[in-house]
Amino acid sequence: MEKPKIHPYIPILIGVISISLSAIIVKLTEAHSSVIAFYRMLFSILIMSPLFFSKYVNEIKILSKKDWLFSSVAGIFLAFHFILWFESLNYTSVASSTVLVTLQPLFAFIGTYLFFKEKITIKTIASGAIAVIGSFLISWGDFRVSGSALYGDILALIACALITGYLLFGQDVRKRISLITYTMVVYSISTVCLFFYVLIIGESFGPYPTMDWVWFLLLAIIPNLLGHTLFNWAVKWVSTNVISVAVLFEPIGASILAYFIFSEKLMTTQIIGGVTVIIGIMLFIIDLKILKGFLKKVLD
């Protein structure tokens, strides 16, 4: 395999910083969470449209009725993931919300176990228990602060479950079409869903302050397109596990930024709970045989 022009870890680092900015940008906007989600998705598909229509539009023809059904469900789940996650940031801290959303690998395991009958291992049970204990620590600490903070934590957990559903329904379709086509289809469905949701709840599509429009556009460019695109590029050169572990640093980056931008301070329960969740997820993701081999080489 040809060597990349730059070390893959550099784009991965930029990708982590990019997705860490998502929660920060959302908190800087004045619009309702559903409106923020709508414009994030709308601007994403507008930016992608020239590339899609010039090179990939013919792939639409190979989509079956089942593909359209699964893509539609995935798009709806993605829409409500953003609504609930953005809404959670109005009630709980950036640190708590982003850490709880990182529980996605465990929700994915539950989904694959229920629908695809994947086996349960001791490592899975242990890592899941550790991550759940961490999430309880975060929620317990937030409940001591206020009931609304706990409500925000619950919204973040539901948002985590929804993003897992989005991934599970999309994985089969993604095997048969390119990333650009799949993303365009699902993002478009998600945008339509968000449009009608905003209409139904009576929120306004505008006008908004100029800076809000800037934040909407940056949400589409930085976490949506830049962050995930860099991860998709890097996966050619590194293991998927490396990307999965890198994503776990999102709450760390988001918490640091929230401290400096919003003066959000971390409680002891958030720190202990957050570290516990990340350890549990890392244990779940990392192959223990590879880890043992690595540690043996280091110790030798």
Protein backbone atom coordinates (compact mmCIF):
# COMPACT_ATOMS: atom_id res chain seq x y z
CA MET A 1 0.00 0.00 0.00
CA GLU A 2 1.31 3.47 -0.89
CA LYS A 3 2.40 5.66 2.00
CA PRO A 4 0.21 8.67 2.82
CA LYS A 5 1.72 12.11 2.23
CA ILE A 6 1.07 13.04 5.85
CA HIS A 7 0.93 10.86 8.97
CA PRO A 8 -2.67 9.60 9.46
CA TYR A 9 -2.67 10.66 13.11
CA ILE A 10 -2.54 14.32 12.07
CA PRO A 11 -5.89 14.23 10.17
CA ILE A 12 -7.32 12.09 13.01
CA LEU A 13 -6.31 14.78 15.52
CA ILE A 14 -7.88 17.49 13.35
CA GLY A 15 -10.99 15.31 13.05
CA VAL A 16 -11.29 14.95 16.82
CA ILE A 17 -10.95 18.71 17.28
CA SER A 18 -13.56 19.24 14.55
CA ILE A 19 -16.21 17.03 16.15
CA SER A 20 -15.36 18.46 19.59
CA LEU A 21 -16.47 21.85 18.30
CA SER A 22 -19.99 20.60 17.56
CA ALA A 23 -21.41 21.02 21.07
CA ILE A 24 -19.60 24.34 21.48
CA ILE A 25 -21.05 25.82 18.28
CA VAL A 26 -24.56 24.61 19.21
CA LYS A 27 -24.38 26.42 22.56
CA LEU A 28 -23.29 29.61 20.80
CA THR A 29 -26.47 29.76 18.70
CA GLU A 30 -29.77 31.30 19.79
CA ALA A 31 -32.07 29.16 17.66
CA HIS A 32 -34.16 26.17 18.77
CA SER A 33 -32.37 22.80 18.68
CA SER A 34 -34.53 21.54 15.78
CA VAL A 35 -33.73 24.64 13.70
CA ILE A 36 -30.01 24.23 14.37
CA ALA A 37 -30.22 20.60 13.31
CA PHE A 38 -32.20 21.51 10.17
CA TYR A 39 -29.69 24.07 8.93
CA ARG A 40 -26.74 21.86 9.84
CA MET A 41 -28.11 19.13 7.58
CA LEU A 42 -29.39 21.49 4.86
CA PHE A 43 -26.04 23.25 4.46
CA SER A 44 -24.28 19.87 4.47
CA ILE A 45 -26.27 18.57 1.49
CA LEU A 46 -25.95 21.89 -0.36
CA ILE A 47 -22.17 21.72 0.00
CA MET A 48 -22.11 18.07 -1.10
CA SER A 49 -24.51 18.55 -4.05
CA PRO A 50 -22.00 19.57 -6.76
CA LEU A 51 -19.84 16.50 -6.12
CA PHE A 52 -22.83 14.17 -5.83
CA PHE A 53 -24.61 15.32 -9.00
CA SER A 54 -21.41 15.38 -11.06
CA LYS A 55 -20.09 11.92 -10.14
CA TYR A 56 -22.43 9.80 -8.02
CA VAL A 57 -26.06 10.53 -8.91
CA ASN A 58 -26.37 7.37 -11.07
CA GLU A 59 -25.91 5.20 -7.97
CA ILE A 60 -29.42 6.17 -6.90
CA LYS A 61 -30.73 3.69 -9.50
CA ILE A 62 -29.31 0.66 -7.67
CA LEU A 63 -31.20 1.40 -4.44
CA SER A 64 -33.96 -1.13 -3.77
CA LYS A 65 -37.22 -0.49 -1.88
CA LYS A 66 -35.62 -2.02 1.19
CA ASP A 67 -32.64 0.32 0.80
CA TRP A 68 -34.94 3.33 0.65
CA LEU A 69 -36.86 2.10 3.70
CA PHE A 70 -33.71 1.55 5.76
CA SER A 71 -32.21 4.85 4.57
CA SER A 72 -35.42 6.66 5.54
CA VAL A 73 -35.41 5.15 9.03
CA ALA A 74 -31.71 6.00 9.37
CA GLY A 75 -32.37 9.59 8.28
CA ILE A 76 -35.25 10.00 10.76
CA PHE A 77 -33.14 8.57 13.59
CA LEU A 78 -30.30 10.94 12.69
CA ALA A 79 -32.68 13.92 12.70
CA PHE A 80 -34.01 13.16 16.17
CA HIS A 81 -30.52 12.33 17.42
CA PHE A 82 -29.49 15.90 16.63
CA ILE A 83 -32.70 17.40 18.06
CA LEU A 84 -32.36 15.59 21.39
CA TRP A 85 -28.59 15.97 21.69
CA PHE A 86 -28.72 19.71 20.91
CA GLU A 87 -31.63 20.08 23.34
CA SER A 88 -29.67 18.26 26.05
CA LEU A 89 -27.04 21.02 25.89
CA ASN A 90 -29.69 23.48 27.13
CA TYR A 91 -30.02 21.52 30.37
CA THR A 92 -26.77 19.75 31.15
CA SER A 93 -23.10 20.56 30.67
CA VAL A 94 -21.07 20.01 27.51
CA ALA A 95 -18.95 17.49 29.43
CA SER A 96 -21.86 15.35 30.62
CA SER A 97 -23.71 15.45 27.30
CA THR A 98 -20.73 14.54 25.11
CA VAL A 99 -19.51 11.78 27.44
CA LEU A 100 -22.94 10.13 27.52
CA VAL A 101 -23.21 10.25 23.73
CA THR A 102 -19.92 8.28 23.54
CA LEU A 103 -21.79 5.26 24.93
CA GLN A 104 -22.79 4.59 21.32
CA PRO A 105 -20.57 1.46 20.95
CA LEU A 106 -22.44 -0.22 23.82
CA PHE A 107 -25.83 0.66 22.36
CA ALA A 108 -24.54 -0.74 19.07
CA PHE A 109 -23.64 -4.00 20.78
CA ILE A 110 -27.12 -4.26 22.29
CA GLY A 111 -28.61 -3.67 18.84
CA THR A 112 -26.40 -6.25 17.11
CA TYR A 113 -27.13 -8.74 19.87
CA LEU A 114 -30.90 -8.30 19.58
CA PHE A 115 -31.10 -8.15 15.77
CA PHE A 116 -28.06 -10.09 14.58
CA LYS A 117 -27.59 -12.48 17.53
CA GLU A 118 -23.94 -11.57 18.06
CA LYS A 119 -22.29 -13.42 20.94
CA ILE A 120 -21.77 -11.93 24.38
CA THR A 121 -18.25 -12.21 25.78
CA ILE A 122 -16.92 -11.65 29.28
CA LYS A 123 -14.98 -8.66 27.96
CA THR A 124 -18.21 -7.15 26.60
CA ILE A 125 -20.05 -7.60 29.90
CA ALA A 126 -17.14 -6.17 31.90
CA SER A 127 -16.61 -3.15 29.63
CA GLY A 128 -20.35 -2.48 29.50
CA ALA A 129 -20.64 -2.61 33.29
CA ILE A 130 -17.72 -0.18 33.68
CA ALA A 131 -19.20 2.29 31.18
CA VAL A 132 -22.66 2.09 32.77
CA ILE A 133 -21.19 2.74 36.22
CA GLY A 134 -19.47 5.81 34.78
CA SER A 135 -22.72 7.09 33.28
CA PHE A 136 -24.51 6.60 36.61
CA LEU A 137 -21.79 8.62 38.35
CA ILE A 138 -22.27 11.47 35.90
CA SER A 139 -26.08 11.40 36.20
CA TRP A 140 -25.97 11.13 40.00
CA GLY A 141 -23.68 14.14 40.22
CA ASP A 142 -25.86 16.14 37.83
CA PHE A 143 -29.02 15.19 39.78
CA ARG A 144 -27.44 16.63 42.92
CA VAL A 145 -26.97 19.89 41.05
CA SER A 146 -30.50 20.03 39.56
CA GLY A 147 -33.25 17.91 38.12
CA SER A 148 -32.92 19.73 34.80
CA ALA A 149 -29.29 18.59 34.48
CA LEU A 150 -30.43 14.99 34.92
CA TYR A 151 -33.12 15.62 32.29
CA GLY A 152 -30.39 16.80 29.93
CA ASP A 153 -28.41 13.62 30.64
CA ILE A 154 -31.46 11.49 29.76
CA LEU A 155 -31.89 13.38 26.48
CA ALA A 156 -28.22 12.74 25.66
CA LEU A 157 -28.64 9.01 26.34
CA ILE A 158 -31.71 8.81 24.09
CA ALA A 159 -29.77 10.72 21.42
CA CYS A 160 -27.01 8.12 21.78
CA ALA A 161 -29.50 5.30 21.24
CA LEU A 162 -30.86 7.06 18.14
CA ILE A 163 -27.44 7.51 16.52
CA THR A 164 -26.88 3.80 17.09
CA GLY A 165 -30.14 3.03 15.30
CA TYR A 166 -29.04 5.30 12.46
CA LEU A 167 -25.80 3.32 12.09
CA LEU A 168 -27.47 -0.10 12.36
CA PHE A 169 -30.10 0.65 9.71
CA GLY A 170 -27.54 2.23 7.42
CA GLN A 171 -24.76 -0.34 7.55
CA ASP A 172 -26.40 -2.75 5.10
CA VAL A 173 -27.15 -0.02 2.54
CA ARG A 174 -23.67 1.46 2.92
CA LYS A 175 -22.09 -1.83 1.73
CA ARG A 176 -23.58 -1.43 -1.75
CA ILE A 177 -23.18 2.28 -2.50
CA SER A 178 -20.46 4.89 -2.11
CA LEU A 179 -20.07 7.00 1.01
CA ILE A 180 -21.04 10.17 -0.90
CA THR A 181 -24.29 8.71 -2.24
CA TYR A 182 -25.29 7.13 1.05
CA THR A 183 -24.54 10.31 2.99
CA MET A 184 -26.44 12.43 0.48
CA VAL A 185 -29.52 10.19 0.62
CA VAL A 186 -29.64 9.92 4.41
CA TYR A 187 -28.82 13.60 5.01
CA SER A 188 -31.55 14.63 2.53
CA ILE A 189 -34.15 12.45 4.26
CA SER A 190 -33.02 13.79 7.62
CA THR A 191 -33.32 17.38 6.34
CA VAL A 192 -36.88 16.80 5.09
CA CYS A 193 -37.81 15.22 8.44
CA LEU A 194 -36.36 18.19 10.32
CA PHE A 195 -38.15 20.66 8.03
CA PHE A 196 -41.57 19.21 8.83
CA TYR A 197 -40.71 18.87 12.52
CA VAL A 198 -39.83 22.58 12.71
CA LEU A 199 -43.12 23.42 10.95
CA ILE A 200 -45.18 21.20 13.28
CA ILE A 201 -43.75 22.61 16.52
CA GLY A 202 -44.12 26.17 15.19
CA GLU A 203 -40.49 27.27 15.32
CA SER A 204 -39.24 29.93 12.93
CA PHE A 205 -36.83 29.31 10.05
CA GLY A 206 -35.63 32.89 10.41
CA PRO A 207 -34.60 35.61 10.52
CA TYR A 208 -31.69 35.00 12.90
CA PRO A 209 -28.68 37.09 13.85
CA THR A 210 -25.85 37.02 11.31
CA MET A 211 -23.61 35.04 13.67
CA ASP A 212 -26.24 32.29 13.94
CA TRP A 213 -26.05 31.77 10.18
CA VAL A 214 -22.29 31.58 10.50
CA TRP A 215 -22.63 28.92 13.24
CA PHE A 216 -25.14 26.93 11.14
CA LEU A 217 -22.69 26.89 8.23
CA LEU A 218 -19.73 26.01 10.45
CA LEU A 219 -21.68 23.09 11.95
CA ALA A 220 -22.10 21.69 8.46
CA ILE A 221 -18.48 22.28 7.42
CA ILE A 222 -16.47 21.44 10.54
CA PRO A 223 -18.01 18.48 12.47
CA ASN A 224 -20.22 17.12 9.67
CA LEU A 225 -18.03 17.29 6.59
CA LEU A 226 -14.48 18.00 7.76
CA GLY A 227 -14.44 15.80 10.89
CA HIS A 228 -16.03 12.68 9.48
CA THR A 229 -14.36 13.06 6.08
CA LEU A 230 -10.94 13.05 7.73
CA PHE A 231 -11.84 9.91 9.68
CA ASN A 232 -13.00 8.24 6.47
CA TRP A 233 -9.69 9.17 4.81
CA ALA A 234 -7.58 7.95 7.74
CA VAL A 235 -9.33 4.56 7.96
CA LYS A 236 -7.49 3.59 4.75
CA TRP A 237 -4.21 3.75 6.67
CA VAL A 238 -5.11 2.82 10.24
CA SER A 239 -7.41 0.36 12.02
CA THR A 240 -11.05 1.26 12.56
CA ASN A 241 -10.36 0.72 16.27
CA VAL A 242 -7.91 3.62 16.19
CA ILE A 243 -10.68 5.88 14.85
CA SER A 244 -13.15 4.54 17.43
CA VAL A 245 -10.74 5.25 20.29
CA ALA A 246 -9.89 8.68 18.86
CA VAL A 247 -13.59 9.64 18.85
CA LEU A 248 -13.64 9.00 22.61
CA PHE A 249 -11.49 12.09 23.04
CA GLU A 250 -14.35 14.27 21.77
CA PRO A 251 -15.79 14.87 25.27
CA ILE A 252 -12.31 15.73 26.55
CA GLY A 253 -11.77 18.31 23.82
CA ALA A 254 -15.32 19.64 24.16
CA SER A 255 -14.97 19.94 27.96
CA ILE A 256 -11.70 21.88 27.67
CA LEU A 257 -13.24 24.26 25.12
CA ALA A 258 -16.38 24.67 27.28
CA TYR A 259 -14.20 25.57 30.26
CA PHE A 260 -12.51 28.41 28.39
CA ILE A 261 -15.50 29.62 26.36
CA PHE A 262 -18.44 29.16 28.77
CA SER A 263 -16.53 28.86 32.08
CA GLU A 264 -18.10 25.43 32.61
CA LYS A 265 -16.32 23.80 35.52
CA LEU A 266 -16.16 20.06 35.99
CA MET A 267 -17.46 18.40 39.14
CA THR A 268 -15.61 15.49 40.69
CA THR A 269 -18.41 13.10 39.70
CA GLN A 270 -18.18 14.28 36.08
CA ILE A 271 -14.43 13.72 35.96
CA ILE A 272 -14.55 10.29 37.63
CA GLY A 273 -17.66 9.25 35.69
CA GLY A 274 -16.28 10.51 32.37
CA VAL A 275 -12.96 8.72 32.81
CA THR A 276 -14.83 5.54 33.83
CA VAL A 277 -17.05 5.68 30.72
CA ILE A 278 -14.06 6.19 28.42
CA ILE A 279 -12.13 3.32 30.04
CA GLY A 280 -15.16 1.04 29.64
CA ILE A 281 -15.62 1.97 25.97
CA MET A 282 -11.90 1.58 25.24
CA LEU A 283 -11.95 -1.87 26.83
CA PHE A 284 -14.95 -2.73 24.66
CA ILE A 285 -13.29 -1.51 21.44
CA ILE A 286 -9.68 -2.62 21.82
CA ASP A 287 -8.73 -6.20 21.04
CA LEU A 288 -7.19 -7.55 24.26
CA LYS A 289 -4.77 -9.82 22.37
CA ILE A 290 -3.39 -6.85 20.44
CA LEU A 291 -3.18 -4.82 23.65
CA LYS A 292 -1.30 -7.60 25.46
CA GLY A 293 1.13 -7.90 22.56
CA PHE A 294 1.71 -4.16 22.57
CA LEU A 295 2.33 -4.05 26.34
CA LYS A 296 4.70 -7.02 26.09
CA LYS A 297 6.77 -5.22 23.47
CA VAL A 298 6.85 -2.06 25.58
CA LEU A 299 7.89 -3.94 28.76
CA ASP A 300 10.52 -5.97 26.92
